[in-house]
């Protein structure tokens, strides 16, 4: 399962890097988006291993990212 997560993160990172932009705000957003996806994948792995309460943690991550977009 860990390899699947690593592969998912690798593919997502490559796709984020392929988004070409000279706009620094978009580049900052791409970094934050990548961190958010990694955080969600990590929270999902914890949820599978320990049955953590994932819904609120994922919502917090999404809210943090949406704040960046609306600024």
C-alpha atoms as a PDB file:
ATOM      1  CA  UNK A   1       0.000   0.000   0.000  1.00  0.00           C
ATOM      2  CA  UNK A   2       2.840   2.440   0.809  1.00  0.00           C
ATOM      3  CA  UNK A   3       4.200   2.054  -2.702  1.00  0.00           C
ATOM      4  CA  UNK A   4       0.822   3.015  -4.127  1.00  0.00           C
ATOM      5  CA  UNK A   5       0.854   6.187  -2.036  1.00  0.00           C
ATOM      6  CA  UNK A   6       4.402   6.981  -3.091  1.00  0.00           C
ATOM      7  CA  UNK A   7       3.505   6.470  -6.741  1.00  0.00           C
ATOM      8  CA  UNK A   8       0.400   8.633  -6.396  1.00  0.00           C
ATOM      9  CA  UNK A   9       2.419  11.449  -4.822  1.00  0.00           C
ATOM     10  CA  UNK A  10       5.137  11.145  -7.471  1.00  0.00           C
ATOM     11  CA  UNK A  11       2.631  11.350 -10.328  1.00  0.00           C
ATOM     12  CA  UNK A  12       0.806  14.269  -8.742  1.00  0.00           C
ATOM     13  CA  UNK A  13       4.073  16.148  -8.191  1.00  0.00           C
ATOM     14  CA  UNK A  14       5.123  15.601 -11.799  1.00  0.00           C
ATOM     15  CA  UNK A  15       1.777  16.872 -13.047  1.00  0.00           C
ATOM     16  CA  UNK A  16       1.996  19.961 -10.837  1.00  0.00           C
ATOM     17  CA  UNK A  17       5.465  20.685 -12.178  1.00  0.00           C
ATOM     18  CA  UNK A  18       4.192  20.355 -15.749  1.00  0.00           C
ATOM     19  CA  UNK A  19       1.798  23.255 -15.203  1.00  0.00           C
ATOM     20  CA  UNK A  20       3.806  26.066 -16.702  1.00  0.00           C
ATOM     21  CA  UNK A  21       3.268  29.506 -15.297  1.00  0.00           C
ATOM     22  CA  UNK A  22       5.267  32.663 -14.885  1.00  0.00           C
ATOM     23  CA  UNK A  23       2.702  33.914 -12.365  1.00  0.00           C
ATOM     24  CA  UNK A  24       4.187  33.626  -8.863  1.00  0.00           C
ATOM     25  CA  UNK A  25       0.732  33.338  -7.247  1.00  0.00           C
ATOM     26  CA  UNK A  26      -0.067  30.305  -9.366  1.00  0.00           C
ATOM     27  CA  UNK A  27       3.309  28.783  -8.565  1.00  0.00           C
ATOM     28  CA  UNK A  28       2.672  29.342  -4.849  1.00  0.00           C
ATOM     29  CA  UNK A  29      -0.769  27.752  -5.255  1.00  0.00           C
ATOM     30  CA  UNK A  30       0.742  24.725  -6.992  1.00  0.00           C
ATOM     31  CA  UNK A  31       3.069  24.234  -4.020  1.00  0.00           C
ATOM     32  CA  UNK A  32       0.213  24.557  -1.548  1.00  0.00           C
ATOM     33  CA  UNK A  33      -1.969  22.229  -3.619  1.00  0.00           C
ATOM     34  CA  UNK A  34       0.787  19.610  -3.648  1.00  0.00           C
ATOM     35  CA  UNK A  35       1.248  19.922   0.125  1.00  0.00           C
ATOM     36  CA  UNK A  36      -2.509  19.636   0.645  1.00  0.00           C
ATOM     37  CA  UNK A  37      -2.766  16.484  -1.466  1.00  0.00           C
ATOM     38  CA  UNK A  38       0.181  14.934   0.376  1.00  0.00           C
ATOM     39  CA  UNK A  39      -1.458  15.802   3.690  1.00  0.00           C
ATOM     40  CA  UNK A  40      -4.737  14.200   2.626  1.00  0.00           C
ATOM     41  CA  UNK A  41      -2.935  11.058   1.445  1.00  0.00           C
ATOM     42  CA  UNK A  42      -1.090  10.925   4.764  1.00  0.00           C
ATOM     43  CA  UNK A  43      -4.308  11.390   6.747  1.00  0.00           C
ATOM     44  CA  UNK A  44      -5.915   8.603   4.724  1.00  0.00           C
ATOM     45  CA  UNK A  45      -3.027   6.264   5.551  1.00  0.00           C
ATOM     46  CA  UNK A  46      -3.382   7.071   9.253  1.00  0.00           C
ATOM     47  CA  UNK A  47      -7.102   6.475   8.971  1.00  0.00           C
ATOM     48  CA  UNK A  48      -6.543   3.040   7.458  1.00  0.00           C
ATOM     49  CA  UNK A  49      -3.932   2.076  10.049  1.00  0.00           C
ATOM     50  CA  UNK A  50      -5.557   3.483  13.191  1.00  0.00           C
ATOM     51  CA  UNK A  51      -9.118   4.397  12.260  1.00  0.00           C
ATOM     52  CA  UNK A  52      -8.520   8.089  12.932  1.00  0.00           C
ATOM     53  CA  UNK A  53     -11.226  10.700  12.397  1.00  0.00           C
ATOM     54  CA  UNK A  54     -10.230  11.774   8.924  1.00  0.00           C
ATOM     55  CA  UNK A  55     -13.204  13.819   7.764  1.00  0.00           C
ATOM     56  CA  UNK A  56     -12.445  16.914   9.868  1.00  0.00           C
ATOM     57  CA  UNK A  57      -8.719  16.767   9.087  1.00  0.00           C
ATOM     58  CA  UNK A  58      -9.372  16.632   5.351  1.00  0.00           C
ATOM     59  CA  UNK A  59     -11.889  19.468   5.644  1.00  0.00           C
ATOM     60  CA  UNK A  60      -9.303  21.564   7.508  1.00  0.00           C
ATOM     61  CA  UNK A  61      -6.773  20.954   4.743  1.00  0.00           C
ATOM     62  CA  UNK A  62      -9.250  21.926   2.042  1.00  0.00           C
ATOM     63  CA  UNK A  63     -10.285  25.041   3.968  1.00  0.00           C
ATOM     64  CA  UNK A  64      -6.665  26.121   4.317  1.00  0.00           C
ATOM     65  CA  UNK A  65      -6.160  25.740   0.581  1.00  0.00           C
ATOM     66  CA  UNK A  66      -9.379  27.576  -0.273  1.00  0.00           C
ATOM     67  CA  UNK A  67      -8.308  30.524   1.895  1.00  0.00           C
ATOM     68  CA  UNK A  68      -5.262  30.899  -0.331  1.00  0.00           C
ATOM     69  CA  UNK A  69      -7.407  30.949  -3.451  1.00  0.00           C
ATOM     70  CA  UNK A  70      -9.843  33.537  -2.137  1.00  0.00           C
ATOM     71  CA  UNK A  71      -7.174  35.972  -0.927  1.00  0.00           C
END
